[in-house]
Amino acid sequence: MKLSVEISKYPLHQDYIPFIKGFIDRLNTYDDLKVITNTLSTQIFGDYDLVMSVLSTEIKRSYEEFGKAIFVCKFLNGDLSPQ
């Protein structure tokens, strides 16, 4: 099963850009995911189990490294990535 996720991260820190950039950079290290970033959010496309595992790992890592942050996620069944 394929999954599409739109995610926005809001670090509760004055210098927020490195926190967001680090999260996006880590998502881009997973070869089996398609990651598209724009100024408002990051979209992730791939196999359901892989996407959920990566999000679990990377959100936890963000909390451990940087402390408080808000993640806003939208999940949709299927791969809606641009062709």
N, C-alpha and C. Protein backbone atom coordinates (compact mmCIF):
# COMPACT_ATOMS: atom_id res chain seq x y z
N MET A 1 0.85 -1.17 0.00
CA MET A 1 0.00 0.00 0.00
C MET A 1 0.90 1.24 0.00
N LYS A 2 0.52 2.21 -0.79
CA LYS A 2 1.26 3.47 -0.87
C LYS A 2 0.62 4.52 0.03
N LEU A 3 1.43 5.49 0.46
CA LEU A 3 0.96 6.54 1.34
C LEU A 3 1.55 7.88 0.92
N SER A 4 0.74 8.92 1.01
CA SER A 4 1.18 10.29 0.79
C SER A 4 0.99 11.06 2.09
N VAL A 5 2.02 11.82 2.49
CA VAL A 5 1.96 12.58 3.73
C VAL A 5 2.43 14.00 3.46
N GLU A 6 1.68 14.95 3.98
CA GLU A 6 2.14 16.34 3.99
C GLU A 6 2.44 16.69 5.44
N ILE A 7 3.64 17.16 5.69
CA ILE A 7 4.05 17.42 7.07
C ILE A 7 4.69 18.80 7.19
N SER A 8 4.34 19.49 8.24
CA SER A 8 4.96 20.77 8.58
C SER A 8 5.50 20.67 9.99
N LYS A 9 6.70 21.19 10.19
CA LYS A 9 7.33 21.17 11.50
C LYS A 9 7.47 22.61 12.00
N TYR A 10 7.06 22.82 13.23
CA TYR A 10 7.16 24.13 13.85
C TYR A 10 7.96 24.01 15.15
N PRO A 11 9.29 24.18 15.07
CA PRO A 11 10.10 24.11 16.29
C PRO A 11 9.76 25.29 17.20
N LEU A 12 9.66 25.01 18.47
CA LEU A 12 9.39 26.07 19.44
C LEU A 12 10.73 26.61 19.92
N HIS A 13 11.41 27.27 18.98
CA HIS A 13 12.75 27.79 19.22
C HIS A 13 12.93 29.03 18.35
N GLN A 14 13.64 30.00 18.87
CA GLN A 14 13.83 31.25 18.15
C GLN A 14 14.58 31.05 16.83
N ASP A 15 15.59 30.22 16.83
CA ASP A 15 16.39 29.95 15.63
C ASP A 15 15.90 28.66 14.99
N TYR A 16 14.75 28.72 14.34
CA TYR A 16 14.04 27.51 13.92
C TYR A 16 14.53 26.90 12.61
N ILE A 17 15.18 27.66 11.74
CA ILE A 17 15.53 27.16 10.40
C ILE A 17 16.44 25.93 10.45
N PRO A 18 17.51 25.90 11.26
CA PRO A 18 18.34 24.69 11.29
C PRO A 18 17.58 23.44 11.74
N PHE A 19 16.60 23.61 12.61
CA PHE A 19 15.81 22.47 13.09
C PHE A 19 14.96 21.89 11.95
N ILE A 20 14.36 22.76 11.17
CA ILE A 20 13.54 22.31 10.05
C ILE A 20 14.41 21.71 8.95
N LYS A 21 15.48 22.41 8.61
CA LYS A 21 16.38 21.93 7.56
C LYS A 21 16.97 20.57 7.90
N GLY A 22 17.36 20.37 9.15
CA GLY A 22 17.92 19.08 9.56
C GLY A 22 16.92 17.94 9.39
N PHE A 23 15.66 18.20 9.75
CA PHE A 23 14.61 17.19 9.60
C PHE A 23 14.42 16.83 8.12
N ILE A 24 14.35 17.84 7.27
CA ILE A 24 14.16 17.60 5.83
C ILE A 24 15.37 16.89 5.25
N ASP A 25 16.56 17.30 5.63
CA ASP A 25 17.78 16.65 5.13
C ASP A 25 17.79 15.17 5.50
N ARG A 26 17.37 14.84 6.72
CA ARG A 26 17.34 13.43 7.12
C ARG A 26 16.30 12.65 6.32
N LEU A 27 15.15 13.25 6.04
CA LEU A 27 14.14 12.56 5.22
C LEU A 27 14.69 12.23 3.84
N ASN A 28 15.50 13.13 3.31
CA ASN A 28 16.06 12.93 1.97
C ASN A 28 17.13 11.85 1.91
N THR A 29 17.55 11.30 3.03
CA THR A 29 18.55 10.23 3.01
C THR A 29 17.94 8.86 2.74
N TYR A 30 16.62 8.76 2.78
CA TYR A 30 15.94 7.48 2.55
C TYR A 30 15.66 7.32 1.06
N ASP A 31 16.38 6.41 0.42
CA ASP A 31 16.31 6.24 -1.03
C ASP A 31 14.93 5.83 -1.54
N ASP A 32 14.18 5.08 -0.75
CA ASP A 32 12.89 4.57 -1.21
C ASP A 32 11.73 5.52 -0.98
N LEU A 33 12.01 6.72 -0.48
CA LEU A 33 10.97 7.74 -0.31
C LEU A 33 11.15 8.83 -1.36
N LYS A 34 10.03 9.37 -1.79
CA LYS A 34 10.07 10.56 -2.63
C LYS A 34 9.70 11.73 -1.70
N VAL A 35 10.57 12.73 -1.64
CA VAL A 35 10.38 13.87 -0.75
C VAL A 35 10.37 15.14 -1.58
N ILE A 36 9.31 15.91 -1.44
CA ILE A 36 9.18 17.19 -2.14
C ILE A 36 8.94 18.27 -1.09
N THR A 37 9.76 19.30 -1.14
CA THR A 37 9.68 20.37 -0.15
C THR A 37 9.32 21.69 -0.83
N ASN A 38 8.43 22.44 -0.17
CA ASN A 38 8.15 23.80 -0.62
C ASN A 38 8.23 24.71 0.60
N THR A 39 7.84 25.95 0.46
CA THR A 39 7.99 26.90 1.55
C THR A 39 7.03 26.65 2.72
N LEU A 40 5.98 25.88 2.51
CA LEU A 40 4.99 25.66 3.56
C LEU A 40 5.05 24.28 4.21
N SER A 41 5.49 23.28 3.44
CA SER A 41 5.45 21.92 3.98
C SER A 41 6.38 21.01 3.19
N THR A 42 6.47 19.78 3.68
CA THR A 42 7.21 18.73 2.99
C THR A 42 6.24 17.60 2.71
N GLN A 43 6.29 17.10 1.48
CA GLN A 43 5.44 15.98 1.10
C GLN A 43 6.30 14.74 0.96
N ILE A 44 5.79 13.64 1.49
CA ILE A 44 6.52 12.38 1.50
C ILE A 44 5.64 11.32 0.85
N PHE A 45 6.22 10.55 -0.06
CA PHE A 45 5.48 9.53 -0.79
C PHE A 45 6.27 8.23 -0.75
N GLY A 46 5.57 7.13 -0.51
CA GLY A 46 6.24 5.84 -0.52
C GLY A 46 5.37 4.75 0.06
N ASP A 47 6.00 3.61 0.31
CA ASP A 47 5.31 2.48 0.90
C ASP A 47 4.85 2.83 2.31
N TYR A 48 3.63 2.46 2.65
CA TYR A 48 3.03 2.83 3.93
C TYR A 48 3.93 2.49 5.11
N ASP A 49 4.38 1.25 5.18
CA ASP A 49 5.18 0.82 6.34
C ASP A 49 6.49 1.60 6.44
N LEU A 50 7.12 1.86 5.31
CA LEU A 50 8.37 2.62 5.32
C LEU A 50 8.14 4.06 5.75
N VAL A 51 7.13 4.71 5.17
CA VAL A 51 6.83 6.11 5.52
C VAL A 51 6.56 6.24 7.01
N MET A 52 5.73 5.37 7.55
CA MET A 52 5.39 5.45 8.97
C MET A 52 6.60 5.17 9.86
N SER A 53 7.44 4.23 9.46
CA SER A 53 8.65 3.92 10.22
C SER A 53 9.62 5.11 10.21
N VAL A 54 9.82 5.70 9.05
CA VAL A 54 10.71 6.85 8.93
C VAL A 54 10.19 8.02 9.75
N LEU A 55 8.90 8.31 9.65
CA LEU A 55 8.34 9.41 10.43
C LEU A 55 8.49 9.16 11.92
N SER A 56 8.23 7.96 12.36
CA SER A 56 8.40 7.63 13.77
C SER A 56 9.84 7.87 14.22
N THR A 57 10.78 7.39 13.45
CA THR A 57 12.19 7.54 13.78
C THR A 57 12.62 9.00 13.79
N GLU A 58 12.26 9.74 12.75
CA GLU A 58 12.76 11.10 12.59
C GLU A 58 12.04 12.11 13.49
N ILE A 59 10.78 11.89 13.76
CA ILE A 59 10.09 12.78 14.71
C ILE A 59 10.66 12.56 16.11
N LYS A 60 10.88 11.31 16.49
CA LYS A 60 11.48 11.03 17.79
C LYS A 60 12.86 11.66 17.89
N ARG A 61 13.65 11.51 16.84
CA ARG A 61 15.00 12.10 16.83
C ARG A 61 14.93 13.61 16.98
N SER A 62 13.98 14.24 16.31
CA SER A 62 13.81 15.69 16.43
C SER A 62 13.52 16.11 17.86
N TYR A 63 12.64 15.39 18.51
CA TYR A 63 12.33 15.69 19.91
C TYR A 63 13.55 15.51 20.81
N GLU A 64 14.29 14.43 20.57
CA GLU A 64 15.46 14.16 21.41
C GLU A 64 16.56 15.20 21.21
N GLU A 65 16.76 15.64 19.97
CA GLU A 65 17.85 16.58 19.66
C GLU A 65 17.49 18.03 19.95
N PHE A 66 16.26 18.41 19.65
CA PHE A 66 15.91 19.83 19.67
C PHE A 66 14.84 20.22 20.67
N GLY A 67 14.23 19.26 21.32
CA GLY A 67 13.21 19.59 22.30
C GLY A 67 11.84 19.77 21.68
N LYS A 68 11.12 20.74 22.17
CA LYS A 68 9.72 20.92 21.79
C LYS A 68 9.56 21.38 20.35
N ALA A 69 8.58 20.78 19.68
CA ALA A 69 8.22 21.14 18.31
C ALA A 69 6.80 20.65 18.06
N ILE A 70 6.16 21.29 17.12
CA ILE A 70 4.82 20.88 16.70
C ILE A 70 4.95 20.29 15.30
N PHE A 71 4.35 19.13 15.08
CA PHE A 71 4.28 18.52 13.76
C PHE A 71 2.82 18.48 13.35
N VAL A 72 2.53 19.00 12.17
CA VAL A 72 1.19 18.94 11.61
C VAL A 72 1.28 18.03 10.38
N CYS A 73 0.51 16.94 10.40
CA CYS A 73 0.59 15.95 9.33
C CYS A 73 -0.79 15.68 8.72
N LYS A 74 -0.79 15.47 7.42
CA LYS A 74 -1.98 15.02 6.70
C LYS A 74 -1.60 13.74 5.98
N PHE A 75 -2.41 12.70 6.15
CA PHE A 75 -2.14 11.40 5.55
C PHE A 75 -3.23 11.06 4.53
N LEU A 76 -2.80 10.56 3.38
CA LEU A 76 -3.76 10.14 2.36
C LEU A 76 -3.31 8.83 1.75
N ASN A 77 -4.23 7.89 1.69
CA ASN A 77 -3.95 6.59 1.09
C ASN A 77 -3.63 6.76 -0.39
N GLY A 78 -2.57 6.15 -0.84
CA GLY A 78 -2.18 6.20 -2.24
C GLY A 78 -1.00 7.11 -2.46
N ASP A 79 -0.42 7.01 -3.66
CA ASP A 79 0.71 7.85 -4.03
C ASP A 79 0.23 8.99 -4.91
N LEU A 80 0.19 10.18 -4.37
CA LEU A 80 -0.27 11.36 -5.10
C LEU A 80 0.89 12.21 -5.59
N SER A 81 2.08 11.64 -5.66
CA SER A 81 3.23 12.42 -6.09
C SER A 81 3.06 12.84 -7.54
N PRO A 82 3.60 14.01 -7.89
CA PRO A 82 3.53 14.46 -9.29
C PRO A 82 4.30 13.50 -10.17
N GLN A 83 3.78 13.24 -11.32
CA GLN A 83 4.44 12.30 -12.25
C GLN A 83 5.56 12.92 -12.95
